Amino acid sequence: MNAIRLFFAVPLLALSTSSVAAEQDVLNQLFGTWEITETYHCSHICAMDDAEASTYIGMEFSYSRYEVRTPEAVCNKPGYKFVYISVDDWVRGYRFYPTTIGLNDGDNVVAYISCDEPFGVEFTGIGSSIMLKDAETILLSWDGIDFEARKK
């Protein structure tokens, strides 16, 4: 059985040196301003049609150590939880292969955000669940759609 590996990013608590380095690499990739492109994927069941999905094109999202800013909300003192998911676990959980939405066929990273750390309140809405595709591209999941966003 493949295990899902977790590590928490902010605040840093009892992480090994290698975990801290891996965490910083992922945070460096995520931090910045992102804009939703014309590319989006409905790989399973979607709660919106193409007309509604297209209204998200051009929306900007900003992630930093101190704040997450989306078109709908601001999250102060964010905490980032990164989950590494194997292909087998991905298929069991999402019911499609990660390559369907342009991710790799190895482990993939999904980030979840909480606000007002250190105690945290779950951040919800578009931009609160992030799949890291590469250094310049993330996927933002909302209502069954995975929106591609490019770093500005």
Protein backbone atom coordinates (compact mmCIF):
# COMPACT_ATOMS: atom_id res chain seq x y z
CA MET A 1 0.00 0.00 0.00
CA ASN A 2 1.32 3.42 -0.91
CA ALA A 3 1.37 5.94 1.90
CA ILE A 4 0.37 9.55 1.56
CA ARG A 5 3.21 11.68 2.93
CA LEU A 6 2.37 14.90 4.72
CA PHE A 7 4.39 17.82 5.95
CA PHE A 8 3.27 21.14 7.28
CA ALA A 9 4.89 24.30 6.06
CA VAL A 10 4.03 27.28 8.23
CA PRO A 11 4.70 27.28 11.13
CA LEU A 12 7.75 25.05 11.07
CA LEU A 13 7.47 22.41 13.76
CA ALA A 14 9.95 19.60 14.39
CA LEU A 15 10.89 18.99 10.78
CA SER A 16 14.12 17.34 9.74
CA THR A 17 16.67 19.36 7.77
CA SER A 18 15.72 17.54 4.55
CA SER A 19 12.00 18.15 5.19
CA VAL A 20 12.64 21.84 5.79
CA ALA A 21 14.62 22.05 2.53
CA ALA A 22 11.86 20.23 0.62
CA GLU A 23 9.25 22.47 2.22
CA GLN A 24 11.15 25.62 1.23
CA ASP A 25 11.47 24.41 -2.37
CA VAL A 26 7.70 23.88 -2.60
CA LEU A 27 6.96 27.23 -0.94
CA ASN A 28 9.36 29.01 -3.31
CA GLN A 29 7.52 27.44 -6.22
CA LEU A 30 4.11 28.44 -4.86
CA PHE A 31 4.81 31.97 -3.57
CA GLY A 32 3.96 34.67 -6.07
CA THR A 33 1.05 35.92 -8.16
CA TRP A 34 -0.80 33.56 -10.47
CA GLU A 35 -3.36 34.18 -13.22
CA ILE A 36 -5.92 31.67 -14.49
CA THR A 37 -5.35 30.89 -18.17
CA GLU A 38 -7.75 29.66 -20.82
CA THR A 39 -6.87 26.05 -19.96
CA TYR A 40 -9.05 24.10 -17.57
CA HIS A 41 -9.98 20.47 -17.10
CA CYS A 42 -13.18 18.70 -16.16
CA SER A 43 -11.86 15.21 -15.64
CA HIS A 44 -14.70 13.61 -13.74
CA ILE A 45 -17.86 15.39 -12.57
CA CYS A 46 -18.10 19.18 -12.87
CA ALA A 47 -20.55 21.56 -11.24
CA MET A 48 -20.19 24.22 -13.93
CA ASP A 49 -20.36 24.35 -17.70
CA ASP A 50 -17.86 25.89 -20.12
CA ALA A 51 -19.63 29.26 -20.10
CA GLU A 52 -19.34 29.58 -16.32
CA ALA A 53 -15.79 28.16 -16.22
CA SER A 54 -14.66 30.74 -18.78
CA THR A 55 -15.65 33.56 -16.39
CA TYR A 56 -12.69 32.56 -14.18
CA ILE A 57 -10.13 33.28 -16.93
CA GLY A 58 -7.87 36.16 -15.91
CA MET A 59 -8.56 35.90 -12.16
CA GLU A 60 -5.45 36.48 -10.06
CA PHE A 61 -4.31 34.69 -6.91
CA SER A 62 -1.41 35.65 -4.68
CA TYR A 63 0.36 33.37 -2.19
CA SER A 64 3.00 34.46 0.33
CA ARG A 65 4.22 33.62 3.79
CA TYR A 66 2.04 36.40 5.25
CA GLU A 67 -1.11 36.43 3.14
CA VAL A 68 -3.17 34.58 0.53
CA ARG A 69 -5.27 36.82 -1.67
CA THR A 70 -7.97 35.48 -4.02
CA PRO A 71 -10.75 37.34 -5.86
CA GLU A 72 -13.14 36.19 -3.12
CA ALA A 73 -11.13 36.41 0.11
CA VAL A 74 -7.98 37.34 1.98
CA CYS A 75 -6.32 34.83 4.31
CA ASN A 76 -3.97 36.34 6.88
CA LYS A 77 -1.20 34.32 8.55
CA PRO A 78 -1.65 31.34 6.20
CA GLY A 79 -0.51 27.83 6.97
CA TYR A 80 0.32 25.51 4.09
CA LYS A 81 -0.12 21.75 4.28
CA PHE A 82 1.47 19.80 1.43
CA VAL A 83 0.28 16.30 0.64
CA TYR A 84 2.37 14.06 -1.63
CA ILE A 85 0.07 11.62 -3.40
CA SER A 86 1.22 8.55 -5.33
CA VAL A 87 -0.49 7.64 -8.61
CA ASP A 88 -2.31 4.69 -7.00
CA ASP A 89 -3.63 6.83 -4.16
CA TRP A 90 -4.51 9.60 -6.63
CA VAL A 91 -6.64 7.25 -8.73
CA ARG A 92 -8.32 5.81 -5.62
CA GLY A 93 -9.12 9.28 -4.27
CA TYR A 94 -9.88 11.31 -7.39
CA ARG A 95 -11.01 8.47 -9.71
CA PHE A 96 -8.87 9.60 -12.65
CA TYR A 97 -5.17 9.57 -13.49
CA PRO A 98 -3.14 12.71 -12.72
CA THR A 99 -1.89 12.74 -16.33
CA THR A 100 -5.50 13.49 -17.37
CA ILE A 101 -5.05 17.05 -16.06
CA GLY A 102 -1.42 17.43 -17.11
CA LEU A 103 0.29 16.30 -13.90
CA ASN A 104 3.07 13.71 -13.88
CA ASP A 105 2.58 9.99 -13.41
CA GLY A 106 4.69 9.92 -10.23
CA ASP A 107 4.03 11.55 -6.87
CA ASN A 108 2.12 14.82 -7.10
CA VAL A 109 1.90 17.62 -4.55
CA VAL A 110 -1.41 19.12 -3.42
CA ALA A 111 -1.36 22.14 -1.11
CA TYR A 112 -4.14 23.02 1.32
CA ILE A 113 -4.36 26.36 3.12
CA SER A 114 -5.51 27.35 6.57
CA CYS A 115 -5.70 30.90 7.95
CA ASP A 116 -4.87 32.58 11.24
CA GLU A 117 -2.07 30.20 12.20
CA PRO A 118 -0.91 28.77 14.59
CA PHE A 119 -4.41 27.49 15.39
CA GLY A 120 -5.81 27.66 11.90
CA VAL A 121 -9.18 27.91 10.25
CA GLU A 122 -9.68 26.02 6.99
CA PHE A 123 -9.53 28.35 3.99
CA THR A 124 -12.26 27.52 1.47
CA GLY A 125 -13.11 28.68 -2.01
CA ILE A 126 -11.25 28.73 -5.28
CA GLY A 127 -7.53 28.94 -4.65
CA SER A 128 -7.63 27.03 -1.36
CA SER A 129 -6.62 23.71 -2.94
CA ILE A 130 -3.60 23.86 -5.23
CA MET A 131 -1.89 21.21 -7.34
CA LEU A 132 1.68 22.06 -8.27
CA LYS A 133 2.30 21.20 -11.91
CA ASP A 134 5.70 22.84 -12.49
CA ALA A 135 7.61 25.99 -11.54
CA GLU A 136 5.37 28.15 -13.74
CA THR A 137 2.00 26.35 -13.55
CA ILE A 138 -0.44 25.37 -10.81
CA LEU A 139 -3.93 23.94 -10.93
CA LEU A 140 -6.68 25.46 -8.77
CA SER A 141 -9.61 23.12 -8.10
CA TRP A 142 -13.13 24.42 -7.77
CA ASP A 143 -16.51 22.76 -8.39
CA GLY A 144 -14.91 19.83 -10.18
CA ILE A 145 -12.87 22.04 -12.52
CA ASP A 146 -9.09 22.20 -12.38
CA PHE A 147 -8.11 25.67 -13.61
CA GLU A 148 -4.58 26.17 -14.90
CA ALA A 149 -2.85 29.27 -13.58
CA ARG A 150 0.50 30.66 -14.72
CA LYS A 151 2.98 32.59 -12.61
CA LYS A 152 3.08 36.30 -13.43
